PDB file of N, CA and C in Angstrom:
ATOM      1  N   MET A   1     108.668 115.609  97.246  1.00  0.00           N
ATOM      2  CA  MET A   1     108.162 115.826  98.582  1.00  0.00           C
ATOM      3  C   MET A   1     108.208 117.317  98.891  1.00  0.00           C
ATOM      4  N   GLU A   2     107.059 117.831  99.269  1.00  0.00           N
ATOM      5  CA  GLU A   2     106.993 119.240  99.649  1.00  0.00           C
ATOM      6  C   GLU A   2     107.554 119.387 101.056  1.00  0.00           C
ATOM      7  N   THR A   3     108.305 120.441 101.296  1.00  0.00           N
ATOM      8  CA  THR A   3     108.880 120.656 102.619  1.00  0.00           C
ATOM      9  C   THR A   3     108.474 122.016 103.158  1.00  0.00           C
ATOM     10  N   GLU A   4     108.635 122.160 104.450  1.00  0.00           N
ATOM     11  CA  GLU A   4     108.362 123.430 105.109  1.00  0.00           C
ATOM     12  C   GLU A   4     109.501 123.708 106.083  1.00  0.00           C
ATOM     13  N   LYS A   5     109.969 124.906 106.069  1.00  0.00           N
ATOM     14  CA  LYS A   5     111.057 125.286 106.958  1.00  0.00           C
ATOM     15  C   LYS A   5     110.478 125.631 108.322  1.00  0.00           C
ATOM     16  N   ILE A   6     111.087 125.043 109.371  1.00  0.00           N
ATOM     17  CA  ILE A   6     110.691 125.358 110.740  1.00  0.00           C
ATOM     18  C   ILE A   6     111.945 125.674 111.548  1.00  0.00           C
ATOM     19  N   THR A   7     111.744 126.316 112.666  1.00  0.00           N
ATOM     20  CA  THR A   7     112.857 126.628 113.552  1.00  0.00           C
ATOM     21  C   THR A   7     112.652 125.855 114.848  1.00  0.00           C
ATOM     22  N   VAL A   8     113.676 125.149 115.268  1.00  0.00           N
ATOM     23  CA  VAL A   8     113.608 124.410 116.530  1.00  0.00           C
ATOM     24  C   VAL A   8     114.870 124.675 117.335  1.00  0.00           C
ATOM     25  N   ARG A   9     114.763 124.548 118.627  1.00  0.00           N
ATOM     26  CA  ARG A   9     115.928 124.670 119.499  1.00  0.00           C
ATOM     27  C   ARG A   9     116.296 123.270 119.944  1.00  0.00           C
ATOM     28  N   ILE A  10     117.548 122.914 119.769  1.00  0.00           N
ATOM     29  CA  ILE A  10     118.046 121.584 120.096  1.00  0.00           C
ATOM     30  C   ILE A  10     119.242 121.753 121.041  1.00  0.00           C
ATOM     31  N   PRO A  11     119.313 120.919 122.070  1.00  0.00           N
ATOM     32  CA  PRO A  11     120.460 121.015 122.984  1.00  0.00           C
ATOM     33  C   PRO A  11     121.785 120.889 122.220  1.00  0.00           C
ATOM     34  N   VAL A  12     122.758 121.651 122.673  1.00  0.00           N
ATOM     35  CA  VAL A  12     124.060 121.723 122.011  1.00  0.00           C
ATOM     36  C   VAL A  12     124.694 120.347 121.852  1.00  0.00           C
ATOM     37  N   ASP A  13     124.577 119.502 122.882  1.00  0.00           N
ATOM     38  CA  ASP A  13     125.198 118.180 122.779  1.00  0.00           C
ATOM     39  C   ASP A  13     124.573 117.334 121.674  1.00  0.00           C
ATOM     40  N   GLN A  14     123.276 117.518 121.437  1.00  0.00           N
ATOM     41  CA  GLN A  14     122.630 116.787 120.341  1.00  0.00           C
ATOM     42  C   GLN A  14     123.083 117.313 118.977  1.00  0.00           C
ATOM     43  N   VAL A  15     123.244 118.621 118.870  1.00  0.00           N
ATOM     44  CA  VAL A  15     123.742 119.201 117.615  1.00  0.00           C
ATOM     45  C   VAL A  15     125.157 118.699 117.343  1.00  0.00           C
ATOM     46  N   GLN A  16     125.973 118.658 118.395  1.00  0.00           N
ATOM     47  CA  GLN A  16     127.344 118.154 118.235  1.00  0.00           C
ATOM     48  C   GLN A  16     127.342 116.686 117.800  1.00  0.00           C
ATOM     49  N   ALA A  17     126.425 115.903 118.345  1.00  0.00           N
ATOM     50  CA  ALA A  17     126.336 114.498 117.951  1.00  0.00           C
ATOM     51  C   ALA A  17     125.948 114.389 116.476  1.00  0.00           C
ATOM     52  N   ILE A  18     124.982 115.197 116.052  1.00  0.00           N
ATOM     53  CA  ILE A  18     124.572 115.196 114.640  1.00  0.00           C
ATOM     54  C   ILE A  18     125.755 115.590 113.761  1.00  0.00           C
ATOM     55  N   ASP A  19     126.466 116.631 114.158  1.00  0.00           N
ATOM     56  CA  ASP A  19     127.628 117.081 113.380  1.00  0.00           C
ATOM     57  C   ASP A  19     128.690 115.980 113.284  1.00  0.00           C
ATOM     58  N   THR A  20     128.869 115.229 114.360  1.00  0.00           N
ATOM     59  CA  THR A  20     129.817 114.115 114.336  1.00  0.00           C
ATOM     60  C   THR A  20     129.367 113.055 113.340  1.00  0.00           C
ATOM     61  N   PHE A  21     128.076 112.748 113.353  1.00  0.00           N
ATOM     62  CA  PHE A  21     127.554 111.761 112.396  1.00  0.00           C
ATOM     63  C   PHE A  21     127.739 112.234 110.959  1.00  0.00           C
ATOM     64  N   ILE A  22     127.597 113.530 110.744  1.00  0.00           N
ATOM     65  CA  ILE A  22     127.815 114.091 109.401  1.00  0.00           C
ATOM     66  C   ILE A  22     129.270 113.899 108.994  1.00  0.00           C
ATOM     67  N   LYS A  23     130.191 114.201 109.909  1.00  0.00           N
ATOM     68  CA  LYS A  23     131.623 114.031 109.623  1.00  0.00           C
ATOM     69  C   LYS A  23     131.965 112.575 109.328  1.00  0.00           C
ATOM     70  N   LEU A  24     131.234 111.654 109.982  1.00  0.00           N
ATOM     71  CA  LEU A  24     131.462 110.227 109.761  1.00  0.00           C
ATOM     72  C   LEU A  24     130.765 109.706 108.504  1.00  0.00           C
ATOM     73  N   GLY A  25     130.022 110.584 107.844  1.00  0.00           N
ATOM     74  CA  GLY A  25     129.365 110.203 106.598  1.00  0.00           C
ATOM     75  C   GLY A  25     127.998 109.551 106.748  1.00  0.00           C
ATOM     76  N   GLU A  26     127.454 109.580 107.967  1.00  0.00           N
ATOM     77  CA  GLU A  26     126.136 108.968 108.191  1.00  0.00           C
ATOM     78  C   GLU A  26     125.004 109.802 107.598  1.00  0.00           C
ATOM     79  N   PHE A  27     125.195 111.105 107.573  1.00  0.00           N
ATOM     80  CA  PHE A  27     124.200 112.035 107.034  1.00  0.00           C
ATOM     81  C   PHE A  27     124.906 113.086 106.188  1.00  0.00           C
ATOM     82  N   ALA A  28     124.179 113.611 105.214  1.00  0.00           N
ATOM     83  CA  ALA A  28     124.742 114.664 104.369  1.00  0.00           C
ATOM     84  C   ALA A  28     124.611 116.037 105.026  1.00  0.00           C
ATOM     85  N   SER A  29     123.615 116.166 105.912  1.00  0.00           N
ATOM     86  CA  SER A  29     123.361 117.472 106.536  1.00  0.00           C
ATOM     87  C   SER A  29     122.600 117.299 107.843  1.00  0.00           C
ATOM     88  N   ARG A  30     122.525 118.368 108.590  1.00  0.00           N
ATOM     89  CA  ARG A  30     121.720 118.360 109.813  1.00  0.00           C
ATOM     90  C   ARG A  30     120.258 118.093 109.468  1.00  0.00           C
ATOM     91  N   SER A  31     119.798 118.725 108.395  1.00  0.00           N
ATOM     92  CA  SER A  31     118.402 118.534 107.993  1.00  0.00           C
ATOM     93  C   SER A  31     118.101 117.065 107.715  1.00  0.00           C
ATOM     94  N   GLU A  32     118.996 116.394 107.021  1.00  0.00           N
ATOM     95  CA  GLU A  32     118.784 114.977 106.723  1.00  0.00           C
ATOM     96  C   GLU A  32     118.710 114.158 108.010  1.00  0.00           C
ATOM     97  N   ALA A  33     119.595 114.444 108.947  1.00  0.00           N
ATOM     98  CA  ALA A  33     119.615 113.713 110.219  1.00  0.00           C
ATOM     99  C   ALA A  33     118.312 113.931 110.981  1.00  0.00           C
ATOM    100  N   ILE A  34     117.872 115.162 111.034  1.00  0.00           N
ATOM    101  CA  ILE A  34     116.643 115.477 111.767  1.00  0.00           C
ATOM    102  C   ILE A  34     115.431 114.880 111.067  1.00  0.00           C
ATOM    103  N   ARG A  35     115.403 114.912 109.738  1.00  0.00           N
ATOM    104  CA  ARG A  35     114.293 114.277 108.999  1.00  0.00           C
ATOM    105  C   ARG A  35     114.223 112.787 109.305  1.00  0.00           C
ATOM    106  N   ARG A  36     115.388 112.132 109.320  1.00  0.00           N
ATOM    107  CA  ARG A  36     115.403 110.693 109.604  1.00  0.00           C
ATOM    108  C   ARG A  36     114.926 110.429 111.035  1.00  0.00           C
ATOM    109  N   ALA A  37     115.389 111.244 111.969  1.00  0.00           N
ATOM    110  CA  ALA A  37     114.971 111.076 113.366  1.00  0.00           C
ATOM    111  C   ALA A  37     113.460 111.257 113.501  1.00  0.00           C
ATOM    112  N   LEU A  38     112.914 112.235 112.823  1.00  0.00           N
ATOM    113  CA  LEU A  38     111.474 112.468 112.881  1.00  0.00           C
ATOM    114  C   LEU A  38     110.699 111.322 112.239  1.00  0.00           C
ATOM    115  N   SER A  39     111.219 110.785 111.152  1.00  0.00           N
ATOM    116  CA  SER A  39     110.564 109.646 110.510  1.00  0.00           C
ATOM    117  C   SER A  39     110.488 108.458 111.466  1.00  0.00           C
ATOM    118  N   ILE A  40     111.583 108.205 112.169  1.00  0.00           N
ATOM    119  CA  ILE A  40     111.610 107.107 113.140  1.00  0.00           C
ATOM    120  C   ILE A  40     110.625 107.386 114.272  1.00  0.00           C
ATOM    121  N   LEU A  41     110.612 108.611 114.771  1.00  0.00           N
ATOM    122  CA  LEU A  41     109.693 108.991 115.839  1.00  0.00           C
ATOM    123  C   LEU A  41     108.245 108.792 115.409  1.00  0.00           C
ATOM    124  N   ILE A  42     107.914 109.247 114.211  1.00  0.00           N
ATOM    125  CA  ILE A  42     106.542 109.135 113.718  1.00  0.00           C
ATOM    126  C   ILE A  42     106.152 107.664 113.557  1.00  0.00           C
ATOM    127  N   GLU A  43     107.038 106.865 113.013  1.00  0.00           N
ATOM    128  CA  GLU A  43     106.751 105.442 112.829  1.00  0.00           C
ATOM    129  C   GLU A  43     106.549 104.741 114.174  1.00  0.00           C
ATOM    130  N   GLU A  44     107.448 104.985 115.127  1.00  0.00           N
ATOM    131  CA  GLU A  44     107.336 104.353 116.443  1.00  0.00           C
ATOM    132  C   GLU A  44     106.084 104.803 117.178  1.00  0.00           C
ATOM    133  N   THR A  45     105.777 106.085 117.106  1.00  0.00           N
ATOM    134  CA  THR A  45     104.599 106.609 117.789  1.00  0.00           C
ATOM    135  C   THR A  45     103.330 106.064 117.156  1.00  0.00           C
ATOM    136  N   THR A  46     103.322 105.963 115.836  1.00  0.00           N
ATOM    137  CA  THR A  46     102.166 105.396 115.140  1.00  0.00           C
ATOM    138  C   THR A  46     101.942 103.955 115.575  1.00  0.00           C
ATOM    139  N   ASP A  47     103.015 103.171 115.631  1.00  0.00           N
ATOM    140  CA  ASP A  47     102.914 101.779 116.082  1.00  0.00           C
ATOM    141  C   ASP A  47     102.378 101.713 117.509  1.00  0.00           C
ATOM    142  N   LYS A  48     102.852 102.603 118.366  1.00  0.00           N
ATOM    143  CA  LYS A  48     102.426 102.639 119.760  1.00  0.00           C
ATOM    144  C   LYS A  48     100.939 102.973 119.855  1.00  0.00           C
ATOM    145  N   VAL A  49     100.499 103.957 119.074  1.00  0.00           N
ATOM    146  CA  VAL A  49      99.089 104.355 119.094  1.00  0.00           C
ATOM    147  C   VAL A  49      98.214 103.204 118.603  1.00  0.00           C
ATOM    148  N   TYR A  50      98.621 102.546 117.512  1.00  0.00           N
ATOM    149  CA  TYR A  50      97.845 101.414 117.014  1.00  0.00           C
ATOM    150  C   TYR A  50      97.802 100.294 118.044  1.00  0.00           C
ATOM    151  N   GLY A  51      98.892 100.080 118.756  1.00  0.00           N
ATOM    152  CA  GLY A  51      98.915  99.080 119.813  1.00  0.00           C
ATOM    153  C   GLY A  51      97.912  99.401 120.904  1.00  0.00           C
ATOM    154  N   LYS A  52      97.859 100.675 121.293  1.00  0.00           N
ATOM    155  CA  LYS A  52      96.893 101.101 122.310  1.00  0.00           C
ATOM    156  C   LYS A  52      95.469 100.925 121.812  1.00  0.00           C
ATOM    157  N   LEU A  53      95.238 101.232 120.538  1.00  0.00           N
ATOM    158  CA  LEU A  53      93.901 101.067 119.975  1.00  0.00           C
ATOM    159  C   LEU A  53      93.474  99.604 119.996  1.00  0.00           C
ATOM    160  N   GLU A  54      94.408  98.710 119.714  1.00  0.00           N
ATOM    161  CA  GLU A  54      94.104  97.275 119.760  1.00  0.00           C
ATOM    162  C   GLU A  54      93.735  96.846 121.171  1.00  0.00           C
ATOM    163  N   ILE A  55      94.446  97.352 122.161  1.00  0.00           N
ATOM    164  CA  ILE A  55      94.153  97.020 123.557  1.00  0.00           C
ATOM    165  C   ILE A  55      92.763  97.529 123.934  1.00  0.00           C
ATOM    166  N   ILE A  56      92.461  98.762 123.547  1.00  0.00           N
ATOM    167  CA  ILE A  56      91.143  99.338 123.833  1.00  0.00           C
ATOM    168  C   ILE A  56      90.056  98.502 123.188  1.00  0.00           C
ATOM    169  N   LYS A  57      90.281  98.094 121.955  1.00  0.00           N
ATOM    170  CA  LYS A  57      89.311  97.272 121.229  1.00  0.00           C
ATOM    171  C   LYS A  57      89.064  95.950 121.963  1.00  0.00           C
ATOM    172  N   LYS A  58      90.123  95.309 122.433  1.00  0.00           N
ATOM    173  CA  LYS A  58      89.991  94.048 123.156  1.00  0.00           C
ATOM    174  C   LYS A  58      89.251  94.246 124.475  1.00  0.00           C
ATOM    175  N   VAL A  59      89.539  95.332 125.175  1.00  0.00           N
ATOM    176  CA  VAL A  59      88.850  95.620 126.433  1.00  0.00           C
ATOM    177  C   VAL A  59      87.364  95.837 126.164  1.00  0.00           C
ATOM    178  N   GLN A  60      87.035  96.560 125.107  1.00  0.00           N
ATOM    179  CA  GLN A  60      85.630  96.788 124.764  1.00  0.00           C
ATOM    180  C   GLN A  60      84.925  95.473 124.435  1.00  0.00           C
ATOM    181  N   GLU A  61      85.629  94.589 123.736  1.00  0.00           N
ATOM    182  CA  GLU A  61      85.052  93.281 123.428  1.00  0.00           C
ATOM    183  C   GLU A  61      84.811  92.489 124.705  1.00  0.00           C
ATOM    184  N   LEU A  62      85.761  92.539 125.638  1.00  0.00           N
ATOM    185  CA  LEU A  62      85.596  91.853 126.918  1.00  0.00           C
ATOM    186  C   LEU A  62      84.428  92.431 127.715  1.00  0.00           C
ATOM    187  N   GLN A  63      84.287  93.751 127.675  1.00  0.00           N
ATOM    188  CA  GLN A  63      83.170  94.386 128.378  1.00  0.00           C
ATOM    189  C   GLN A  63      81.848  93.922 127.791  1.00  0.00           C
ATOM    190  N   ALA A  64      81.762  93.855 126.481  1.00  0.00           N
ATOM    191  CA  ALA A  64      80.533  93.414 125.825  1.00  0.00           C
ATOM    192  C   ALA A  64      80.234  91.957 126.190  1.00  0.00           C
ATOM    193  N   LEU A  65      81.246  91.111 126.194  1.00  0.00           N
ATOM    194  CA  LEU A  65      81.047  89.711 126.572  1.00  0.00           C
ATOM    195  C   LEU A  65      80.606  89.585 128.026  1.00  0.00           C
ATOM    196  N   THR A  66      81.204  90.386 128.889  1.00  0.00           N
ATOM    197  CA  THR A  66      80.835  90.378 130.303  1.00  0.00           C
ATOM    198  C   THR A  66      79.372  90.771 130.480  1.00  0.00           C
ATOM    199  N   GLU A  67      78.947  91.774 129.747  1.00  0.00           N
ATOM    200  CA  GLU A  67      77.544  92.197 129.813  1.00  0.00           C
ATOM    201  C   GLU A  67      76.615  91.083 129.346  1.00  0.00           C
ATOM    202  N   GLU A  68      76.999  90.393 128.294  1.00  0.00           N
ATOM    203  CA  GLU A  68      76.186  89.279 127.790  1.00  0.00           C
ATOM    204  C   GLU A  68      76.115  88.165 128.827  1.00  0.00           C
ATOM    205  N   ILE A  69      77.229  87.878 129.463  1.00  0.00           N
ATOM    206  CA  ILE A  69      77.255  86.835 130.500  1.00  0.00           C
ATOM    207  C   ILE A  69      76.338  87.232 131.664  1.00  0.00           C
ATOM    208  N   GLU A  70      76.395  88.476 132.069  1.00  0.00           N
ATOM    209  CA  GLU A  70      75.549  88.957 133.164  1.00  0.00           C
ATOM    210  C   GLU A  70      74.076  88.823 132.790  1.00  0.00           C
ATOM    211  N   LYS A  71      73.723  89.131 131.553  1.00  0.00           N
ATOM    212  CA  LYS A  71      72.333  88.992 131.097  1.00  0.00           C
ATOM    213  C   LYS A  71      71.910  87.535 131.145  1.00  0.00           C
ATOM    214  N   LEU A  72      72.781  86.642 130.718  1.00  0.00           N
ATOM    215  CA  LEU A  72      72.465  85.212 130.729  1.00  0.00           C
ATOM    216  C   LEU A  72      72.306  84.681 132.153  1.00  0.00           C
ATOM    217  N   LYS A  73      73.096  85.191 133.074  1.00  0.00           N
ATOM    218  CA  LYS A  73      73.015  84.748 134.472  1.00  0.00           C
ATOM    219  C   LYS A  73      71.661  85.135 135.076  1.00  0.00           C
ATOM    220  N   LYS A  74      71.133  86.280 134.665  1.00  0.00           N
ATOM    221  CA  LYS A  74      69.869  86.780 135.226  1.00  0.00           C
ATOM    222  C   LYS A  74      68.682  85.969 134.726  1.00  0.00           C
ATOM    223  N   LYS A  75      68.819  85.245 133.640  1.00  0.00           N
ATOM    224  CA  LYS A  75      67.717  84.475 133.068  1.00  0.00           C
ATOM    225  C   LYS A  75      67.476  83.202 133.782  1.00  0.00           C
TER     226      LYS A  75
END
């Protein structure tokens, strides 16, 4: 996996929480913890976006059906 170094500012309490997790053996490093957090964020956001797309698709289908019904009523 290719990586890129970036600089971010994180609230001190969050850094302390990450450091605590490292001491407890949950992560090997801050980088590992942040990578895992980002992976979860990306997965959840992707699921959310796909959910919204499904809703939009259903609304568009309903709009098309409504238009067809209106055309049939006029006949």
